[in-house]
mmCIF file of all heavy atoms, coordinates in Angstrom:
data_MODEL
# 
_entry.id   MODEL 
# 
loop_
_atom_site.group_PDB 
_atom_site.id 
_atom_site.type_symbol 
_atom_site.label_atom_id 
_atom_site.label_alt_id 
_atom_site.label_comp_id 
_atom_site.label_asym_id 
_atom_site.label_entity_id 
_atom_site.label_seq_id 
_atom_site.pdbx_PDB_ins_code 
_atom_site.Cartn_x 
_atom_site.Cartn_y 
_atom_site.Cartn_z 
_atom_site.occupancy 
_atom_site.B_iso_or_equiv 
_atom_site.pdbx_formal_charge 
_atom_site.auth_seq_id 
_atom_site.auth_comp_id 
_atom_site.auth_asym_id 
_atom_site.auth_atom_id 
_atom_site.pdbx_PDB_model_num 
ATOM 1   N N   . LEU A 1 1  ? 107.272 95.977  126.369 1.00 0.00 ? 1  LEU A N   1 
ATOM 2   C CA  . LEU A 1 1  ? 105.980 95.473  126.406 1.00 0.00 ? 1  LEU A CA  1 
ATOM 3   C C   . LEU A 1 1  ? 105.771 94.579  127.536 1.00 0.00 ? 1  LEU A C   1 
ATOM 4   O O   . LEU A 1 1  ? 106.338 93.470  127.557 1.00 0.00 ? 1  LEU A O   1 
ATOM 5   C CB  . LEU A 1 1  ? 105.570 94.746  125.061 1.00 0.00 ? 1  LEU A CB  1 
ATOM 6   C CG  . LEU A 1 1  ? 104.115 94.429  124.910 1.00 0.00 ? 1  LEU A CG  1 
ATOM 7   C CD1 . LEU A 1 1  ? 103.185 95.623  124.793 1.00 0.00 ? 1  LEU A CD1 1 
ATOM 8   C CD2 . LEU A 1 1  ? 103.940 93.467  123.778 1.00 0.00 ? 1  LEU A CD2 1 
ATOM 9   N N   . GLN A 1 2  ? 105.037 95.025  128.553 1.00 0.00 ? 2  GLN A N   1 
ATOM 10  C CA  . GLN A 1 2  ? 104.713 94.227  129.747 1.00 0.00 ? 2  GLN A CA  1 
ATOM 11  C C   . GLN A 1 2  ? 103.409 93.446  129.430 1.00 0.00 ? 2  GLN A C   1 
ATOM 12  O O   . GLN A 1 2  ? 102.367 94.068  129.131 1.00 0.00 ? 2  GLN A O   1 
ATOM 13  C CB  . GLN A 1 2  ? 104.534 95.030  130.965 1.00 0.00 ? 2  GLN A CB  1 
ATOM 14  C CG  . GLN A 1 2  ? 104.136 94.311  132.246 1.00 0.00 ? 2  GLN A CG  1 
ATOM 15  C CD  . GLN A 1 2  ? 105.262 93.270  132.669 1.00 0.00 ? 2  GLN A CD  1 
ATOM 16  O OE1 . GLN A 1 2  ? 106.382 93.659  132.705 1.00 0.00 ? 2  GLN A OE1 1 
ATOM 17  N NE2 . GLN A 1 2  ? 104.861 92.160  133.011 1.00 0.00 ? 2  GLN A NE2 1 
ATOM 18  N N   . MET A 1 3  ? 103.546 92.139  129.365 1.00 0.00 ? 3  MET A N   1 
ATOM 19  C CA  . MET A 1 3  ? 102.304 91.259  129.049 1.00 0.00 ? 3  MET A CA  1 
ATOM 20  C C   . MET A 1 3  ? 101.874 90.555  130.222 1.00 0.00 ? 3  MET A C   1 
ATOM 21  O O   . MET A 1 3  ? 102.633 89.671  130.754 1.00 0.00 ? 3  MET A O   1 
ATOM 22  C CB  . MET A 1 3  ? 102.701 90.346  127.893 1.00 0.00 ? 3  MET A CB  1 
ATOM 23  C CG  . MET A 1 3  ? 103.207 91.033  126.688 1.00 0.00 ? 3  MET A CG  1 
ATOM 24  S SD  . MET A 1 3  ? 103.567 89.911  125.281 1.00 0.00 ? 3  MET A SD  1 
ATOM 25  C CE  . MET A 1 3  ? 104.827 88.873  125.989 1.00 0.00 ? 3  MET A CE  1 
ATOM 26  N N   . ASN A 1 4  ? 100.688 90.823  130.689 1.00 0.00 ? 4  ASN A N   1 
ATOM 27  C CA  . ASN A 1 4  ? 100.108 90.115  131.812 1.00 0.00 ? 4  ASN A CA  1 
ATOM 28  C C   . ASN A 1 4  ? 98.890  89.315  131.469 1.00 0.00 ? 4  ASN A C   1 
ATOM 29  O O   . ASN A 1 4  ? 98.292  89.587  130.411 1.00 0.00 ? 4  ASN A O   1 
ATOM 30  C CB  . ASN A 1 4  ? 99.675  91.135  132.894 1.00 0.00 ? 4  ASN A CB  1 
ATOM 31  C CG  . ASN A 1 4  ? 100.888 92.037  133.407 1.00 0.00 ? 4  ASN A CG  1 
ATOM 32  O OD1 . ASN A 1 4  ? 102.000 91.501  133.655 1.00 0.00 ? 4  ASN A OD1 1 
ATOM 33  N ND2 . ASN A 1 4  ? 100.645 93.327  133.654 1.00 0.00 ? 4  ASN A ND2 1 
ATOM 34  N N   . SER A 1 5  ? 98.464  88.471  132.324 1.00 0.00 ? 5  SER A N   1 
ATOM 35  C CA  . SER A 1 5  ? 97.297  87.639  132.148 1.00 0.00 ? 5  SER A CA  1 
ATOM 36  C C   . SER A 1 5  ? 97.314  86.981  130.755 1.00 0.00 ? 5  SER A C   1 
ATOM 37  O O   . SER A 1 5  ? 96.356  86.990  129.972 1.00 0.00 ? 5  SER A O   1 
ATOM 38  C CB  . SER A 1 5  ? 96.057  88.419  132.328 1.00 0.00 ? 5  SER A CB  1 
ATOM 39  O OG  . SER A 1 5  ? 95.933  88.991  133.630 1.00 0.00 ? 5  SER A OG  1 
ATOM 40  N N   . LEU A 1 6  ? 98.429  86.411  130.379 1.00 0.00 ? 6  LEU A N   1 
ATOM 41  C CA  . LEU A 1 6  ? 98.670  85.800  129.062 1.00 0.00 ? 6  LEU A CA  1 
ATOM 42  C C   . LEU A 1 6  ? 97.744  84.632  128.820 1.00 0.00 ? 6  LEU A C   1 
ATOM 43  O O   . LEU A 1 6  ? 97.398  83.890  129.698 1.00 0.00 ? 6  LEU A O   1 
ATOM 44  C CB  . LEU A 1 6  ? 100.021 85.394  128.883 1.00 0.00 ? 6  LEU A CB  1 
ATOM 45  C CG  . LEU A 1 6  ? 101.055 86.536  128.644 1.00 0.00 ? 6  LEU A CG  1 
ATOM 46  C CD1 . LEU A 1 6  ? 102.519 86.082  128.921 1.00 0.00 ? 6  LEU A CD1 1 
ATOM 47  C CD2 . LEU A 1 6  ? 100.902 87.079  127.247 1.00 0.00 ? 6  LEU A CD2 1 
ATOM 48  N N   . LYS A 1 7  ? 97.272  84.595  127.579 1.00 0.00 ? 7  LYS A N   1 
ATOM 49  C CA  . LYS A 1 7  ? 96.386  83.528  127.122 1.00 0.00 ? 7  LYS A CA  1 
ATOM 50  C C   . LYS A 1 7  ? 97.030  82.747  126.001 1.00 0.00 ? 7  LYS A C   1 
ATOM 51  O O   . LYS A 1 7  ? 97.937  83.219  125.386 1.00 0.00 ? 7  LYS A O   1 
ATOM 52  C CB  . LYS A 1 7  ? 95.054  84.142  126.537 1.00 0.00 ? 7  LYS A CB  1 
ATOM 53  C CG  . LYS A 1 7  ? 94.363  85.131  127.447 1.00 0.00 ? 7  LYS A CG  1 
ATOM 54  C CD  . LYS A 1 7  ? 93.132  85.763  126.854 1.00 0.00 ? 7  LYS A CD  1 
ATOM 55  C CE  . LYS A 1 7  ? 92.434  86.723  127.785 1.00 0.00 ? 7  LYS A CE  1 
ATOM 56  N NZ  . LYS A 1 7  ? 91.313  87.351  127.054 1.00 0.00 ? 7  LYS A NZ  1 
ATOM 57  N N   . PRO A 1 8  ? 96.613  81.491  125.743 1.00 0.00 ? 8  PRO A N   1 
ATOM 58  C CA  . PRO A 1 8  ? 97.179  80.726  124.715 1.00 0.00 ? 8  PRO A CA  1 
ATOM 59  C C   . PRO A 1 8  ? 97.132  81.391  123.334 1.00 0.00 ? 8  PRO A C   1 
ATOM 60  O O   . PRO A 1 8  ? 98.025  81.253  122.567 1.00 0.00 ? 8  PRO A O   1 
ATOM 61  C CB  . PRO A 1 8  ? 96.404  79.469  124.727 1.00 0.00 ? 8  PRO A CB  1 
ATOM 62  C CG  . PRO A 1 8  ? 95.965  79.241  126.192 1.00 0.00 ? 8  PRO A CG  1 
ATOM 63  C CD  . PRO A 1 8  ? 95.710  80.687  126.604 1.00 0.00 ? 8  PRO A CD  1 
ATOM 64  N N   . GLU A 1 9  ? 96.010  82.185  123.119 1.00 0.00 ? 9  GLU A N   1 
ATOM 65  C CA  . GLU A 1 9  ? 95.878  82.824  121.871 1.00 0.00 ? 9  GLU A CA  1 
ATOM 66  C C   . GLU A 1 9  ? 96.976  84.008  121.710 1.00 0.00 ? 9  GLU A C   1 
ATOM 67  O O   . GLU A 1 9  ? 97.030  84.598  120.581 1.00 0.00 ? 9  GLU A O   1 
ATOM 68  C CB  . GLU A 1 9  ? 94.498  83.363  121.585 1.00 0.00 ? 9  GLU A CB  1 
ATOM 69  C CG  . GLU A 1 9  ? 93.936  84.164  122.806 1.00 0.00 ? 9  GLU A CG  1 
ATOM 70  C CD  . GLU A 1 9  ? 93.095  83.337  123.767 1.00 0.00 ? 9  GLU A CD  1 
ATOM 71  O OE1 . GLU A 1 9  ? 93.469  82.238  124.046 1.00 0.00 ? 9  GLU A OE1 1 
ATOM 72  O OE2 . GLU A 1 9  ? 92.046  83.855  124.155 1.00 0.00 ? 9  GLU A OE2 1 
ATOM 73  N N   . ASP A 1 10 ? 97.677  84.305  122.734 1.00 0.00 ? 10 ASP A N   1 
ATOM 74  C CA  . ASP A 1 10 ? 98.804  85.315  122.628 1.00 0.00 ? 10 ASP A CA  1 
ATOM 75  C C   . ASP A 1 10 ? 100.033 84.690  122.038 1.00 0.00 ? 10 ASP A C   1 
ATOM 76  O O   . ASP A 1 10 ? 101.008 85.461  121.701 1.00 0.00 ? 10 ASP A O   1 
ATOM 77  C CB  . ASP A 1 10 ? 99.080  85.916  123.947 1.00 0.00 ? 10 ASP A CB  1 
ATOM 78  C CG  . ASP A 1 10 ? 97.983  86.764  124.523 1.00 0.00 ? 10 ASP A CG  1 
ATOM 79  O OD1 . ASP A 1 10 ? 97.274  87.568  123.820 1.00 0.00 ? 10 ASP A OD1 1 
ATOM 80  O OD2 . ASP A 1 10 ? 97.713  86.647  125.784 1.00 0.00 ? 10 ASP A OD2 1 
ATOM 81  N N   . THR A 1 11 ? 100.031 83.410  121.885 1.00 0.00 ? 11 THR A N   1 
ATOM 82  C CA  . THR A 1 11 ? 101.218 82.760  121.354 1.00 0.00 ? 11 THR A CA  1 
ATOM 83  C C   . THR A 1 11 ? 101.485 83.219  119.944 1.00 0.00 ? 11 THR A C   1 
ATOM 84  O O   . THR A 1 11 ? 100.621 83.191  119.047 1.00 0.00 ? 11 THR A O   1 
ATOM 85  C CB  . THR A 1 11 ? 101.007 81.208  121.260 1.00 0.00 ? 11 THR A CB  1 
ATOM 86  O OG1 . THR A 1 11 ? 100.886 80.696  122.614 1.00 0.00 ? 11 THR A OG1 1 
ATOM 87  C CG2 . THR A 1 11 ? 102.160 80.525  120.606 1.00 0.00 ? 11 THR A CG2 1 
ATOM 88  N N   . ALA A 1 12 ? 102.706 83.733  119.668 1.00 0.00 ? 12 ALA A N   1 
ATOM 89  C CA  . ALA A 1 12 ? 103.084 84.325  118.409 1.00 0.00 ? 12 ALA A CA  1 
ATOM 90  C C   . ALA A 1 12 ? 104.536 84.688  118.410 1.00 0.00 ? 12 ALA A C   1 
ATOM 91  O O   . ALA A 1 12 ? 105.135 84.678  119.482 1.00 0.00 ? 12 ALA A O   1 
ATOM 92  C CB  . ALA A 1 12 ? 102.173 85.546  118.073 1.00 0.00 ? 12 ALA A CB  1 
ATOM 93  N N   . VAL A 1 13 ? 105.019 84.991  117.260 1.00 0.00 ? 13 VAL A N   1 
ATOM 94  C CA  . VAL A 1 13 ? 106.285 85.764  117.213 1.00 0.00 ? 13 VAL A CA  1 
ATOM 95  C C   . VAL A 1 13 ? 106.008 87.160  117.300 1.00 0.00 ? 13 VAL A C   1 
ATOM 96  O O   . VAL A 1 13 ? 105.217 87.689  116.586 1.00 0.00 ? 13 VAL A O   1 
ATOM 97  C CB  . VAL A 1 13 ? 106.999 85.412  115.882 1.00 0.00 ? 13 VAL A CB  1 
ATOM 98  C CG1 . VAL A 1 13 ? 108.337 86.205  115.748 1.00 0.00 ? 13 VAL A CG1 1 
ATOM 99  C CG2 . VAL A 1 13 ? 107.370 83.869  115.804 1.00 0.00 ? 13 VAL A CG2 1 
ATOM 100 N N   . TYR A 1 14 ? 106.658 87.817  118.254 1.00 0.00 ? 14 TYR A N   1 
ATOM 101 C CA  . TYR A 1 14 ? 106.431 89.252  118.446 1.00 0.00 ? 14 TYR A CA  1 
ATOM 102 C C   . TYR A 1 14 ? 107.604 90.097  117.811 1.00 0.00 ? 14 TYR A C   1 
ATOM 103 O O   . TYR A 1 14 ? 108.783 89.790  118.024 1.00 0.00 ? 14 TYR A O   1 
ATOM 104 C CB  . TYR A 1 14 ? 106.332 89.517  119.947 1.00 0.00 ? 14 TYR A CB  1 
ATOM 105 C CG  . TYR A 1 14 ? 105.050 89.149  120.598 1.00 0.00 ? 14 TYR A CG  1 
ATOM 106 C CD1 . TYR A 1 14 ? 104.740 87.772  120.718 1.00 0.00 ? 14 TYR A CD1 1 
ATOM 107 C CD2 . TYR A 1 14 ? 104.114 90.173  120.944 1.00 0.00 ? 14 TYR A CD2 1 
ATOM 108 C CE1 . TYR A 1 14 ? 103.527 87.453  121.221 1.00 0.00 ? 14 TYR A CE1 1 
ATOM 109 C CE2 . TYR A 1 14 ? 102.911 89.737  121.530 1.00 0.00 ? 14 TYR A CE2 1 
ATOM 110 C CZ  . TYR A 1 14 ? 102.609 88.445  121.632 1.00 0.00 ? 14 TYR A CZ  1 
ATOM 111 O OH  . TYR A 1 14 ? 101.399 87.988  122.213 1.00 0.00 ? 14 TYR A OH  1 
ATOM 112 N N   . TYR A 1 15 ? 107.238 91.034  116.991 1.00 0.00 ? 15 TYR A N   1 
ATOM 113 C CA  . TYR A 1 15 ? 108.201 91.833  116.289 1.00 0.00 ? 15 TYR A CA  1 
ATOM 114 C C   . TYR A 1 15 ? 108.179 93.251  116.751 1.00 0.00 ? 15 TYR A C   1 
ATOM 115 O O   . TYR A 1 15 ? 107.131 93.856  116.811 1.00 0.00 ? 15 TYR A O   1 
ATOM 116 C CB  . TYR A 1 15 ? 107.897 91.825  114.740 1.00 0.00 ? 15 TYR A CB  1 
ATOM 117 C CG  . TYR A 1 15 ? 107.964 90.465  114.134 1.00 0.00 ? 15 TYR A CG  1 
ATOM 118 C CD1 . TYR A 1 15 ? 106.875 89.630  114.017 1.00 0.00 ? 15 TYR A CD1 1 
ATOM 119 C CD2 . TYR A 1 15 ? 109.149 90.072  113.528 1.00 0.00 ? 15 TYR A CD2 1 
ATOM 120 C CE1 . TYR A 1 15 ? 106.957 88.388  113.455 1.00 0.00 ? 15 TYR A CE1 1 
ATOM 121 C CE2 . TYR A 1 15 ? 109.251 88.773  112.925 1.00 0.00 ? 15 TYR A CE2 1 
ATOM 122 C CZ  . TYR A 1 15 ? 108.183 87.972  112.836 1.00 0.00 ? 15 TYR A CZ  1 
ATOM 123 O OH  . TYR A 1 15 ? 108.242 86.754  112.276 1.00 0.00 ? 15 TYR A OH  1 
ATOM 124 N N   . CYS A 1 16 ? 109.359 93.758  117.026 1.00 0.00 ? 16 CYS A N   1 
ATOM 125 C CA  . CYS A 1 16 ? 109.470 95.202  117.356 1.00 0.00 ? 16 CYS A CA  1 
ATOM 126 C C   . CYS A 1 16 ? 109.519 95.959  115.963 1.00 0.00 ? 16 CYS A C   1 
ATOM 127 O O   . CYS A 1 16 ? 110.110 95.503  115.066 1.00 0.00 ? 16 CYS A O   1 
ATOM 128 C CB  . CYS A 1 16 ? 110.763 95.430  118.155 1.00 0.00 ? 16 CYS A CB  1 
ATOM 129 S SG  . CYS A 1 16 ? 111.085 97.183  118.517 1.00 0.00 ? 16 CYS A SG  1 
ATOM 130 N N   . ALA A 1 17 ? 108.911 97.119  115.994 1.00 0.00 ? 17 ALA A N   1 
ATOM 131 C CA  . ALA A 1 17 ? 108.898 97.997  114.800 1.00 0.00 ? 17 ALA A CA  1 
ATOM 132 C C   . ALA A 1 17 ? 109.080 99.484  115.244 1.00 0.00 ? 17 ALA A C   1 
ATOM 133 O O   . ALA A 1 17 ? 108.713 99.814  116.333 1.00 0.00 ? 17 ALA A O   1 
ATOM 134 C CB  . ALA A 1 17 ? 107.646 97.814  114.012 1.00 0.00 ? 17 ALA A CB  1 
ATOM 135 N N   . ALA A 1 18 ? 109.624 100.224 114.316 1.00 0.00 ? 18 ALA A N   1 
ATOM 136 C CA  . ALA A 1 18 ? 109.843 101.666 114.644 1.00 0.00 ? 18 ALA A CA  1 
ATOM 137 C C   . ALA A 1 18 ? 109.546 102.427 113.312 1.00 0.00 ? 18 ALA A C   1 
ATOM 138 O O   . ALA A 1 18 ? 109.854 102.032 112.239 1.00 0.00 ? 18 ALA A O   1 
ATOM 139 C CB  . ALA A 1 18 ? 111.253 101.887 115.112 1.00 0.00 ? 18 ALA A CB  1 
ATOM 140 N N   . ASP A 1 19 ? 108.985 103.649 113.535 1.00 0.00 ? 19 ASP A N   1 
ATOM 141 C CA  . ASP A 1 19 ? 108.777 104.605 112.434 1.00 0.00 ? 19 ASP A CA  1 
ATOM 142 C C   . ASP A 1 19 ? 109.538 105.880 112.692 1.00 0.00 ? 19 ASP A C   1 
ATOM 143 O O   . ASP A 1 19 ? 109.633 106.332 113.800 1.00 0.00 ? 19 ASP A O   1 
ATOM 144 C CB  . ASP A 1 19 ? 107.275 104.897 112.273 1.00 0.00 ? 19 ASP A CB  1 
ATOM 145 C CG  . ASP A 1 19 ? 106.483 103.794 111.835 1.00 0.00 ? 19 ASP A CG  1 
ATOM 146 O OD1 . ASP A 1 19 ? 106.998 102.821 111.292 1.00 0.00 ? 19 ASP A OD1 1 
ATOM 147 O OD2 . ASP A 1 19 ? 105.180 103.884 111.923 1.00 0.00 ? 19 ASP A OD2 1 
ATOM 148 N N   . LEU A 1 20 ? 110.067 106.458 111.695 1.00 0.00 ? 20 LEU A N   1 
ATOM 149 C CA  . LEU A 1 20 ? 110.699 107.794 111.759 1.00 0.00 ? 20 LEU A CA  1 
ATOM 150 C C   . LEU A 1 20 ? 109.673 108.782 112.121 1.00 0.00 ? 20 LEU A C   1 
ATOM 151 O O   . LEU A 1 20 ? 109.933 109.763 112.855 1.00 0.00 ? 20 LEU A O   1 
ATOM 152 C CB  . LEU A 1 20 ? 111.409 108.116 110.517 1.00 0.00 ? 20 LEU A CB  1 
ATOM 153 C CG  . LEU A 1 20 ? 112.617 107.257 110.167 1.00 0.00 ? 20 LEU A CG  1 
ATOM 154 C CD1 . LEU A 1 20 ? 113.252 107.666 108.872 1.00 0.00 ? 20 LEU A CD1 1 
ATOM 155 C CD2 . LEU A 1 20 ? 113.664 107.221 111.301 1.00 0.00 ? 20 LEU A CD2 1 
ATOM 156 N N   . ALA A 1 21 ? 108.519 108.672 111.458 1.00 0.00 ? 21 ALA A N   1 
ATOM 157 C CA  . ALA A 1 21 ? 107.412 109.702 111.751 1.00 0.00 ? 21 ALA A CA  1 
ATOM 158 C C   . ALA A 1 21 ? 106.506 109.151 112.767 1.00 0.00 ? 21 ALA A C   1 
ATOM 159 O O   . ALA A 1 21 ? 106.473 107.983 113.146 1.00 0.00 ? 21 ALA A O   1 
ATOM 160 C CB  . ALA A 1 21 ? 106.712 109.981 110.430 1.00 0.00 ? 21 ALA A CB  1 
ATOM 161 N N   . GLU A 1 22 ? 105.623 110.071 113.188 1.00 0.00 ? 22 GLU A N   1 
ATOM 162 C CA  . GLU A 1 22 ? 104.478 109.664 114.055 1.00 0.00 ? 22 GLU A CA  1 
ATOM 163 C C   . GLU A 1 22 ? 103.270 109.833 113.218 1.00 0.00 ? 22 GLU A C   1 
ATOM 164 O O   . GLU A 1 22 ? 102.846 110.925 112.791 1.00 0.00 ? 22 GLU A O   1 
ATOM 165 C CB  . GLU A 1 22 ? 104.394 110.640 115.277 1.00 0.00 ? 22 GLU A CB  1 
ATOM 166 C CG  . GLU A 1 22 ? 105.569 110.460 116.261 1.00 0.00 ? 22 GLU A CG  1 
ATOM 167 C CD  . GLU A 1 22 ? 105.376 111.248 117.552 1.00 0.00 ? 22 GLU A CD  1 
ATOM 168 O OE1 . GLU A 1 22 ? 104.427 111.988 117.617 1.00 0.00 ? 22 GLU A OE1 1 
ATOM 169 O OE2 . GLU A 1 22 ? 106.191 111.076 118.488 1.00 0.00 ? 22 GLU A OE2 1 
ATOM 170 N N   . THR A 1 23 ? 102.597 108.715 113.004 1.00 0.00 ? 23 THR A N   1 
ATOM 171 C CA  . THR A 1 23 ? 101.396 108.647 112.207 1.00 0.00 ? 23 THR A CA  1 
ATOM 172 C C   . THR A 1 23 ? 100.114 108.419 113.048 1.00 0.00 ? 23 THR A C   1 
ATOM 173 O O   . THR A 1 23 ? 100.185 107.534 113.915 1.00 0.00 ? 23 THR A O   1 
ATOM 174 C CB  . THR A 1 23 ? 101.471 107.565 111.051 1.00 0.00 ? 23 THR A CB  1 
ATOM 175 O OG1 . THR A 1 23 ? 102.631 107.753 110.287 1.00 0.00 ? 23 THR A OG1 1 
ATOM 176 C CG2 . THR A 1 23 ? 100.227 107.626 110.223 1.00 0.00 ? 23 THR A CG2 1 
ATOM 177 N N   . VAL A 1 24 ? 99.176  109.249 112.756 1.00 0.00 ? 24 VAL A N   1 
ATOM 178 C CA  . VAL A 1 24 ? 97.924  109.145 113.586 1.00 0.00 ? 24 VAL A CA  1 
ATOM 179 C C   . VAL A 1 24 ? 96.740  108.885 112.693 1.00 0.00 ? 24 VAL A C   1 
ATOM 180 O O   . VAL A 1 24 ? 96.630  109.575 111.604 1.00 0.00 ? 24 VAL A O   1 
ATOM 181 C CB  . VAL A 1 24 ? 97.693  110.505 114.378 1.00 0.00 ? 24 VAL A CB  1 
ATOM 182 C CG1 . VAL A 1 24 ? 96.409  110.421 115.129 1.00 0.00 ? 24 VAL A CG1 1 
ATOM 183 C CG2 . VAL A 1 24 ? 98.820  110.702 115.372 1.00 0.00 ? 24 VAL A CG2 1 
ATOM 184 N N   . ALA A 1 25 ? 95.919  108.002 113.028 1.00 0.00 ? 25 ALA A N   1 
ATOM 185 C CA  . ALA A 1 25 ? 94.733  107.642 112.256 1.00 0.00 ? 25 ALA A CA  1 
ATOM 186 C C   . ALA A 1 25 ? 93.544  107.568 113.155 1.00 0.00 ? 25 ALA A C   1 
ATOM 187 O O   . ALA A 1 25 ? 93.627  106.915 114.279 1.00 0.00 ? 25 ALA A O   1 
ATOM 188 C CB  . ALA A 1 25 ? 94.862  106.379 111.459 1.00 0.00 ? 25 ALA A CB  1 
ATOM 189 N N   . ALA A 1 26 ? 92.536  108.185 112.861 1.00 0.00 ? 26 ALA A N   1 
ATOM 190 C CA  . ALA A 1 26 ? 91.272  108.286 113.743 1.00 0.00 ? 26 ALA A CA  1 
ATOM 191 C C   . ALA A 1 26 ? 91.669  108.671 115.140 1.00 0.00 ? 26 ALA A C   1 
ATOM 192 O O   . ALA A 1 26 ? 91.056  108.168 116.102 1.00 0.00 ? 26 ALA A O   1 
ATOM 193 C CB  . ALA A 1 26 ? 90.662  106.916 113.705 1.00 0.00 ? 26 ALA A CB  1 
ATOM 194 N N   . GLY A 1 27 ? 92.573  109.632 115.280 1.00 0.00 ? 27 GLY A N   1 
ATOM 195 C CA  . GLY A 1 27 ? 92.903  110.198 116.567 1.00 0.00 ? 27 GLY A CA  1 
ATOM 196 C C   . GLY A 1 27 ? 93.880  109.403 117.406 1.00 0.00 ? 27 GLY A C   1 
ATOM 197 O O   . GLY A 1 27 ? 94.153  109.771 118.529 1.00 0.00 ? 27 GLY A O   1 
# 
């Protein structure tokens, strides 16, 4: 995840996640 033009509101703990399937909602 390349994060540019960072803002103070971007401050957070960032968690990586993975799914075995590919789920699509609303396209």
